[in-house]
């Protein structure tokens, strides 16, 4: 399943419901390709992440690797590189 910005326009609680639904889909064996700017959603439900900044891959890896990547922090999570 491919999803492009499914969390757009959702508040925090709605995004959490979406995340649980998506995890249920993957638990049933369906692969999900998710594109979203909601870093909380992405970091909480994805096994492997590619991060783009202005069309260029700036990082890839597990959620833990992405959370600690200085380029991602600067571009998306707020903070200095």
PDB file of N, CA and C in Angstrom:
ATOM      1  N   UNK A   1       0.846  -1.151   0.000  1.00  0.00           N
ATOM      2  CA  UNK A   1       0.000   0.000   0.000  1.00  0.00           C
ATOM      3  C   UNK A   1       0.901   1.226   0.000  1.00  0.00           C
ATOM      4  N   UNK A   2       0.580   2.182  -0.850  1.00  0.00           N
ATOM      5  CA  UNK A   2       1.333   3.439  -0.904  1.00  0.00           C
ATOM      6  C   UNK A   2       0.441   4.579  -0.419  1.00  0.00           C
ATOM      7  N   UNK A   3       0.962   5.362   0.523  1.00  0.00           N
ATOM      8  CA  UNK A   3       0.204   6.465   1.099  1.00  0.00           C
ATOM      9  C   UNK A   3       1.017   7.742   1.012  1.00  0.00           C
ATOM     10  N   UNK A   4       0.421   8.789   0.479  1.00  0.00           N
ATOM     11  CA  UNK A   4       1.083  10.084   0.357  1.00  0.00           C
ATOM     12  C   UNK A   4       0.377  11.081   1.257  1.00  0.00           C
ATOM     13  N   UNK A   5       1.027  11.447   2.347  1.00  0.00           N
ATOM     14  CA  UNK A   5       0.523  12.432   3.302  1.00  0.00           C
ATOM     15  C   UNK A   5      -0.845  12.067   3.908  1.00  0.00           C
ATOM     16  N   UNK A   6      -1.025  10.845   4.387  1.00  0.00           N
ATOM     17  CA  UNK A   6      -2.329  10.498   4.960  1.00  0.00           C
ATOM     18  C   UNK A   6      -2.643  11.247   6.252  1.00  0.00           C
ATOM     19  N   UNK A   7      -1.632  11.804   6.908  1.00  0.00           N
ATOM     20  CA  UNK A   7      -1.872  12.515   8.165  1.00  0.00           C
ATOM     21  C   UNK A   7      -2.106  14.012   7.965  1.00  0.00           C
ATOM     22  N   UNK A   8      -2.068  14.471   6.722  1.00  0.00           N
ATOM     23  CA  UNK A   8      -2.281  15.897   6.462  1.00  0.00           C
ATOM     24  C   UNK A   8      -3.652  16.319   6.988  1.00  0.00           C
ATOM     25  N   UNK A   9      -3.665  17.346   7.789  1.00  0.00           N
ATOM     26  CA  UNK A   9      -4.921  17.870   8.321  1.00  0.00           C
ATOM     27  C   UNK A   9      -5.425  17.166   9.565  1.00  0.00           C
ATOM     28  N   UNK A  10      -4.720  16.139  10.020  1.00  0.00           N
ATOM     29  CA  UNK A  10      -5.157  15.433  11.225  1.00  0.00           C
ATOM     30  C   UNK A  10      -4.543  16.071  12.466  1.00  0.00           C
ATOM     31  N   UNK A  11      -5.313  16.081  13.570  1.00  0.00           N
ATOM     32  CA  UNK A  11      -4.724  16.546  14.818  1.00  0.00           C
ATOM     33  C   UNK A  11      -3.946  15.381  15.453  1.00  0.00           C
ATOM     34  N   UNK A  12      -3.348  15.615  16.595  1.00  0.00           N
ATOM     35  CA  UNK A  12      -2.484  14.618  17.231  1.00  0.00           C
ATOM     36  C   UNK A  12      -3.214  13.317  17.523  1.00  0.00           C
ATOM     37  N   UNK A  13      -4.392  13.401  18.092  1.00  0.00           N
ATOM     38  CA  UNK A  13      -5.119  12.165  18.441  1.00  0.00           C
ATOM     39  C   UNK A  13      -5.565  11.416  17.185  1.00  0.00           C
ATOM     40  N   UNK A  14      -5.962  12.139  16.161  1.00  0.00           N
ATOM     41  CA  UNK A  14      -6.336  11.483  14.904  1.00  0.00           C
ATOM     42  C   UNK A  14      -5.121  10.819  14.252  1.00  0.00           C
ATOM     43  N   UNK A  15      -3.963  11.463  14.345  1.00  0.00           N
ATOM     44  CA  UNK A  15      -2.731  10.883  13.819  1.00  0.00           C
ATOM     45  C   UNK A  15      -2.353   9.603  14.551  1.00  0.00           C
ATOM     46  N   UNK A  16      -2.594   9.580  15.856  1.00  0.00           N
ATOM     47  CA  UNK A  16      -2.312   8.369  16.632  1.00  0.00           C
ATOM     48  C   UNK A  16      -3.227   7.223  16.212  1.00  0.00           C
ATOM     49  N   UNK A  17      -4.493   7.529  15.950  1.00  0.00           N
ATOM     50  CA  UNK A  17      -5.434   6.512  15.466  1.00  0.00           C
ATOM     51  C   UNK A  17      -4.970   5.988  14.109  1.00  0.00           C
ATOM     52  N   UNK A  18      -4.575   6.885  13.228  1.00  0.00           N
ATOM     53  CA  UNK A  18      -4.061   6.486  11.928  1.00  0.00           C
ATOM     54  C   UNK A  18      -2.848   5.566  12.091  1.00  0.00           C
ATOM     55  N   UNK A  19      -1.934   5.936  12.977  1.00  0.00           N
ATOM     56  CA  UNK A  19      -0.752   5.120  13.218  1.00  0.00           C
ATOM     57  C   UNK A  19      -1.101   3.715  13.663  1.00  0.00           C
ATOM     58  N   UNK A  20      -2.054   3.591  14.576  1.00  0.00           N
ATOM     59  CA  UNK A  20      -2.481   2.261  15.037  1.00  0.00           C
ATOM     60  C   UNK A  20      -3.102   1.458  13.897  1.00  0.00           C
ATOM     61  N   UNK A  21      -3.883   2.115  13.063  1.00  0.00           N
ATOM     62  CA  UNK A  21      -4.493   1.427  11.909  1.00  0.00           C
ATOM     63  C   UNK A  21      -3.414   0.932  10.945  1.00  0.00           C
ATOM     64  N   UNK A  22      -2.424   1.767  10.682  1.00  0.00           N
ATOM     65  CA  UNK A  22      -1.350   1.375   9.768  1.00  0.00           C
ATOM     66  C   UNK A  22      -0.529   0.224  10.330  1.00  0.00           C
ATOM     67  N   UNK A  23      -0.270   0.251  11.636  1.00  0.00           N
ATOM     68  CA  UNK A  23       0.447  -0.869  12.254  1.00  0.00           C
ATOM     69  C   UNK A  23      -0.366  -2.155  12.152  1.00  0.00           C
ATOM     70  N   UNK A  24      -1.687  -2.059  12.280  1.00  0.00           N
ATOM     71  CA  UNK A  24      -2.543  -3.231  12.113  1.00  0.00           C
ATOM     72  C   UNK A  24      -2.453  -3.803  10.711  1.00  0.00           C
ATOM     73  N   UNK A  25      -2.352  -2.935   9.739  1.00  0.00           N
ATOM     74  CA  UNK A  25      -2.223  -3.383   8.345  1.00  0.00           C
ATOM     75  C   UNK A  25      -0.911  -4.125   8.144  1.00  0.00           C
ATOM     76  N   UNK A  26       0.184  -3.579   8.696  1.00  0.00           N
ATOM     77  CA  UNK A  26       1.476  -4.244   8.535  1.00  0.00           C
ATOM     78  C   UNK A  26       1.532  -5.543   9.336  1.00  0.00           C
ATOM     79  N   UNK A  27       0.853  -5.584  10.469  1.00  0.00           N
ATOM     80  CA  UNK A  27       0.804  -6.821  11.260  1.00  0.00           C
ATOM     81  C   UNK A  27       0.150  -7.952  10.479  1.00  0.00           C
ATOM     82  N   UNK A  28      -0.743  -7.595   9.566  1.00  0.00           N
ATOM     83  CA  UNK A  28      -1.420  -8.596   8.730  1.00  0.00           C
ATOM     84  C   UNK A  28      -0.571  -9.000   7.524  1.00  0.00           C
ATOM     85  N   UNK A  29       0.645  -8.426   7.398  1.00  0.00           N
ATOM     86  CA  UNK A  29       1.554  -8.828   6.336  1.00  0.00           C
ATOM     87  C   UNK A  29       1.594  -7.929   5.118  1.00  0.00           C
ATOM     88  N   UNK A  30       0.875  -6.835   5.145  1.00  0.00           N
ATOM     89  CA  UNK A  30       0.880  -5.906   4.015  1.00  0.00           C
ATOM     90  C   UNK A  30       1.996  -4.886   4.199  1.00  0.00           C
ATOM     91  N   UNK A  31       2.804  -4.672   3.176  1.00  0.00           N
ATOM     92  CA  UNK A  31       3.839  -3.646   3.218  1.00  0.00           C
ATOM     93  C   UNK A  31       3.193  -2.285   2.989  1.00  0.00           C
ATOM     94  N   UNK A  32       3.668  -1.292   3.713  1.00  0.00           N
ATOM     95  CA  UNK A  32       3.159   0.068   3.570  1.00  0.00           C
ATOM     96  C   UNK A  32       4.325   0.996   3.248  1.00  0.00           C
ATOM     97  N   UNK A  33       4.176   1.774   2.186  1.00  0.00           N
ATOM     98  CA  UNK A  33       5.125   2.809   1.801  1.00  0.00           C
ATOM     99  C   UNK A  33       4.470   4.128   2.166  1.00  0.00           C
ATOM    100  N   UNK A  34       5.021   4.810   3.157  1.00  0.00           N
ATOM    101  CA  UNK A  34       4.408   6.010   3.712  1.00  0.00           C
ATOM    102  C   UNK A  34       5.262   7.234   3.418  1.00  0.00           C
ATOM    103  N   UNK A  35       4.637   8.248   2.860  1.00  0.00           N
ATOM    104  CA  UNK A  35       5.284   9.542   2.679  1.00  0.00           C
ATOM    105  C   UNK A  35       4.510  10.523   3.549  1.00  0.00           C
ATOM    106  N   UNK A  36       5.202  11.167   4.501  1.00  0.00           N
ATOM    107  CA  UNK A  36       4.502  12.100   5.378  1.00  0.00           C
ATOM    108  C   UNK A  36       5.479  13.061   6.034  1.00  0.00           C
ATOM    109  N   UNK A  37       4.997  14.260   6.334  1.00  0.00           N
ATOM    110  CA  UNK A  37       5.791  15.248   7.055  1.00  0.00           C
ATOM    111  C   UNK A  37       5.593  15.134   8.565  1.00  0.00           C
ATOM    112  N   UNK A  38       4.655  14.338   9.010  1.00  0.00           N
ATOM    113  CA  UNK A  38       4.402  14.157  10.435  1.00  0.00           C
ATOM    114  C   UNK A  38       5.497  13.249  10.996  1.00  0.00           C
ATOM    115  N   UNK A  39       6.559  13.878  11.502  1.00  0.00           N
ATOM    116  CA  UNK A  39       7.714  13.112  11.971  1.00  0.00           C
ATOM    117  C   UNK A  39       7.356  12.200  13.141  1.00  0.00           C
ATOM    118  N   UNK A  40       6.419  12.605  13.974  1.00  0.00           N
ATOM    119  CA  UNK A  40       5.993  11.746  15.077  1.00  0.00           C
ATOM    120  C   UNK A  40       5.397  10.450  14.561  1.00  0.00           C
ATOM    121  N   UNK A  41       4.523  10.560  13.593  1.00  0.00           N
ATOM    122  CA  UNK A  41       3.908   9.383  12.983  1.00  0.00           C
ATOM    123  C   UNK A  41       4.970   8.511  12.341  1.00  0.00           C
ATOM    124  N   UNK A  42       5.812   9.107  11.521  1.00  0.00           N
ATOM    125  CA  UNK A  42       6.843   8.348  10.804  1.00  0.00           C
ATOM    126  C   UNK A  42       7.781   7.649  11.777  1.00  0.00           C
ATOM    127  N   UNK A  43       8.268   8.368  12.780  1.00  0.00           N
ATOM    128  CA  UNK A  43       9.219   7.789  13.726  1.00  0.00           C
ATOM    129  C   UNK A  43       8.607   6.699  14.597  1.00  0.00           C
ATOM    130  N   UNK A  44       7.309   6.774  14.804  1.00  0.00           N
ATOM    131  CA  UNK A  44       6.654   5.790  15.678  1.00  0.00           C
ATOM    132  C   UNK A  44       6.177   4.534  14.971  1.00  0.00           C
ATOM    133  N   UNK A  45       5.969   4.578  13.664  1.00  0.00           N
ATOM    134  CA  UNK A  45       5.406   3.382  13.020  1.00  0.00           C
ATOM    135  C   UNK A  45       6.284   2.758  11.946  1.00  0.00           C
ATOM    136  N   UNK A  46       7.300   3.473  11.484  1.00  0.00           N
ATOM    137  CA  UNK A  46       8.113   2.946  10.381  1.00  0.00           C
ATOM    138  C   UNK A  46       9.304   2.141  10.893  1.00  0.00           C
ATOM    139  N   UNK A  47       9.641   1.088  10.155  1.00  0.00           N
ATOM    140  CA  UNK A  47      10.811   0.271  10.475  1.00  0.00           C
ATOM    141  C   UNK A  47      12.076   0.865   9.885  1.00  0.00           C
ATOM    142  N   UNK A  48      11.974   1.458   8.705  1.00  0.00           N
ATOM    143  CA  UNK A  48      13.120   2.023   8.005  1.00  0.00           C
ATOM    144  C   UNK A  48      12.658   3.307   7.340  1.00  0.00           C
ATOM    145  N   UNK A  49      13.498   4.330   7.406  1.00  0.00           N
ATOM    146  CA  UNK A  49      13.092   5.664   6.978  1.00  0.00           C
ATOM    147  C   UNK A  49      14.145   6.275   6.054  1.00  0.00           C
ATOM    148  N   UNK A  50      13.681   6.927   5.001  1.00  0.00           N
ATOM    149  CA  UNK A  50      14.511   7.791   4.164  1.00  0.00           C
ATOM    150  C   UNK A  50      14.016   9.206   4.407  1.00  0.00           C
ATOM    151  N   UNK A  51      14.929  10.123   4.633  1.00  0.00           N
ATOM    152  CA  UNK A  51      14.563  11.515   4.872  1.00  0.00           C
ATOM    153  C   UNK A  51      15.073  12.359   3.716  1.00  0.00           C
ATOM    154  N   UNK A  52      14.150  13.118   3.119  1.00  0.00           N
ATOM    155  CA  UNK A  52      14.488  14.011   2.014  1.00  0.00           C
ATOM    156  C   UNK A  52      14.456  15.458   2.496  1.00  0.00           C
ATOM    157  N   UNK A  53      15.344  16.246   1.945  1.00  0.00           N
ATOM    158  CA  UNK A  53      15.330  17.686   2.178  1.00  0.00           C
ATOM    159  C   UNK A  53      15.577  18.342   0.825  1.00  0.00           C
ATOM    160  N   UNK A  54      14.587  19.057   0.329  1.00  0.00           N
ATOM    161  CA  UNK A  54      14.649  19.687  -0.992  1.00  0.00           C
ATOM    162  C   UNK A  54      15.034  18.679  -2.067  1.00  0.00           C
ATOM    163  N   UNK A  55      14.433  17.484  -2.011  1.00  0.00           N
ATOM    164  CA  UNK A  55      14.615  16.474  -3.039  1.00  0.00           C
ATOM    165  C   UNK A  55      15.861  15.618  -2.916  1.00  0.00           C
ATOM    166  N   UNK A  56      16.677  15.852  -1.901  1.00  0.00           N
ATOM    167  CA  UNK A  56      17.899  15.071  -1.704  1.00  0.00           C
ATOM    168  C   UNK A  56      17.786  14.223  -0.443  1.00  0.00           C
ATOM    169  N   UNK A  57      18.248  12.979  -0.526  1.00  0.00           N
ATOM    170  CA  UNK A  57      18.256  12.112   0.652  1.00  0.00           C
ATOM    171  C   UNK A  57      19.338  12.623   1.604  1.00  0.00           C
ATOM    172  N   UNK A  58      18.921  13.001   2.815  1.00  0.00           N
ATOM    173  CA  UNK A  58      19.883  13.489   3.803  1.00  0.00           C
ATOM    174  C   UNK A  58      20.162  12.458   4.886  1.00  0.00           C
ATOM    175  N   UNK A  59      19.325  11.414   4.961  1.00  0.00           N
ATOM    176  CA  UNK A  59      19.533  10.372   5.969  1.00  0.00           C
ATOM    177  C   UNK A  59      18.671   9.172   5.620  1.00  0.00           C
ATOM    178  N   UNK A  60      19.112   8.019   6.116  1.00  0.00           N
ATOM    179  CA  UNK A  60      18.299   6.814   6.028  1.00  0.00           C
ATOM    180  C   UNK A  60      18.696   5.905   7.169  1.00  0.00           C
ATOM    181  N   UNK A  61      17.723   5.130   7.641  1.00  0.00           N
ATOM    182  CA  UNK A  61      18.015   4.199   8.722  1.00  0.00           C
ATOM    183  C   UNK A  61      16.806   3.924   9.581  1.00  0.00           C
ATOM    184  N   UNK A  62      17.069   3.338  10.726  1.00  0.00           N
ATOM    185  CA  UNK A  62      16.016   3.015  11.684  1.00  0.00           C
ATOM    186  C   UNK A  62      15.515   4.304  12.337  1.00  0.00           C
ATOM    187  N   UNK A  63      14.369   4.250  12.996  1.00  0.00           N
ATOM    188  CA  UNK A  63      13.895   5.444  13.696  1.00  0.00           C
ATOM    189  C   UNK A  63      14.922   5.993  14.694  1.00  0.00           C
ATOM    190  N   UNK A  64      15.623   5.114  15.401  1.00  0.00           N
ATOM    191  CA  UNK A  64      16.633   5.577  16.358  1.00  0.00           C
ATOM    192  C   UNK A  64      17.759   6.319  15.645  1.00  0.00           C
ATOM    193  N   UNK A  65      18.185   5.811  14.503  1.00  0.00           N
ATOM    194  CA  UNK A  65      19.243   6.476  13.738  1.00  0.00           C
ATOM    195  C   UNK A  65      18.773   7.831  13.222  1.00  0.00           C
ATOM    196  N   UNK A  66      17.530   7.892  12.775  1.00  0.00           N
ATOM    197  CA  UNK A  66      16.987   9.146  12.244  1.00  0.00           C
ATOM    198  C   UNK A  66      16.842  10.180  13.349  1.00  0.00           C
ATOM    199  N   UNK A  67      16.360   9.750  14.528  1.00  0.00           N
ATOM    200  CA  UNK A  67      16.194  10.685  15.650  1.00  0.00           C
ATOM    201  C   UNK A  67      17.508  11.352  16.049  1.00  0.00           C
ATOM    202  N   UNK A  68      18.624  10.649  15.888  1.00  0.00           N
ATOM    203  CA  UNK A  68      19.905  11.181  16.338  1.00  0.00           C
ATOM    204  C   UNK A  68      20.742  11.781  15.207  1.00  0.00           C
ATOM    205  N   UNK A  69      20.220  11.813  13.992  1.00  0.00           N
ATOM    206  CA  UNK A  69      20.965  12.324  12.851  1.00  0.00           C
ATOM    207  C   UNK A  69      20.939  13.859  12.857  1.00  0.00           C
ATOM    208  N   UNK A  70      22.104  14.473  12.871  1.00  0.00           N
ATOM    209  CA  UNK A  70      22.183  15.935  12.977  1.00  0.00           C
ATOM    210  C   UNK A  70      21.536  16.651  11.789  1.00  0.00           C
ATOM    211  N   UNK A  71      21.606  16.065  10.603  1.00  0.00           N
ATOM    212  CA  UNK A  71      20.992  16.693   9.420  1.00  0.00           C
ATOM    213  C   UNK A  71      19.466  16.684   9.536  1.00  0.00           C
ATOM    214  N   UNK A  72      18.917  15.600  10.040  1.00  0.00           N
ATOM    215  CA  UNK A  72      17.466  15.504  10.218  1.00  0.00           C
ATOM    216  C   UNK A  72      17.008  16.452  11.319  1.00  0.00           C
ATOM    217  N   UNK A  73      17.761  16.494  12.387  1.00  0.00           N
ATOM    218  CA  UNK A  73      17.412  17.398  13.493  1.00  0.00           C
ATOM    219  C   UNK A  73      17.346  18.832  12.985  1.00  0.00           C
ATOM    220  N   UNK A  74      18.330  19.238  12.224  1.00  0.00           N
ATOM    221  CA  UNK A  74      18.360  20.608  11.705  1.00  0.00           C
ATOM    222  C   UNK A  74      17.226  20.874  10.724  1.00  0.00           C
ATOM    223  N   UNK A  75      16.933  19.904   9.852  1.00  0.00           N
ATOM    224  CA  UNK A  75      15.946  20.126   8.786  1.00  0.00           C
ATOM    225  C   UNK A  75      14.505  19.975   9.251  1.00  0.00           C
ATOM    226  N   UNK A  76      14.235  19.035  10.172  1.00  0.00           N
ATOM    227  CA  UNK A  76      12.856  18.693  10.494  1.00  0.00           C
ATOM    228  C   UNK A  76      12.478  18.801  11.959  1.00  0.00           C
ATOM    229  N   UNK A  77      13.390  18.535  12.841  1.00  0.00           N
ATOM    230  CA  UNK A  77      13.030  18.452  14.250  1.00  0.00           C
ATOM    231  C   UNK A  77      13.362  19.732  15.015  1.00  0.00           C
ATOM    232  N   UNK A  78      14.072  20.627  14.364  1.00  0.00           N
ATOM    233  CA  UNK A  78      14.430  21.884  15.003  1.00  0.00           C
ATOM    234  C   UNK A  78      15.728  21.744  15.764  1.00  0.00           C
ATOM    235  N   UNK A  79      16.661  22.570  15.468  1.00  0.00           N
ATOM    236  CA  UNK A  79      17.960  22.530  16.130  1.00  0.00           C
ATOM    237  C   UNK A  79      19.055  22.788  15.121  1.00  0.00           C
ATOM    238  N   UNK A  80      20.232  22.946  15.638  1.00  0.00           N
ATOM    239  CA  UNK A  80      21.376  23.248  14.777  1.00  0.00           C
ATOM    240  C   UNK A  80      22.076  21.977  14.349  1.00  0.00           C
ATOM    241  N   UNK A  81      22.672  22.037  13.149  1.00  0.00           N
ATOM    242  CA  UNK A  81      23.465  20.921  12.651  1.00  0.00           C
ATOM    243  C   UNK A  81      24.785  20.871  13.375  1.00  0.00           C
TER     244      UNK A  81
END
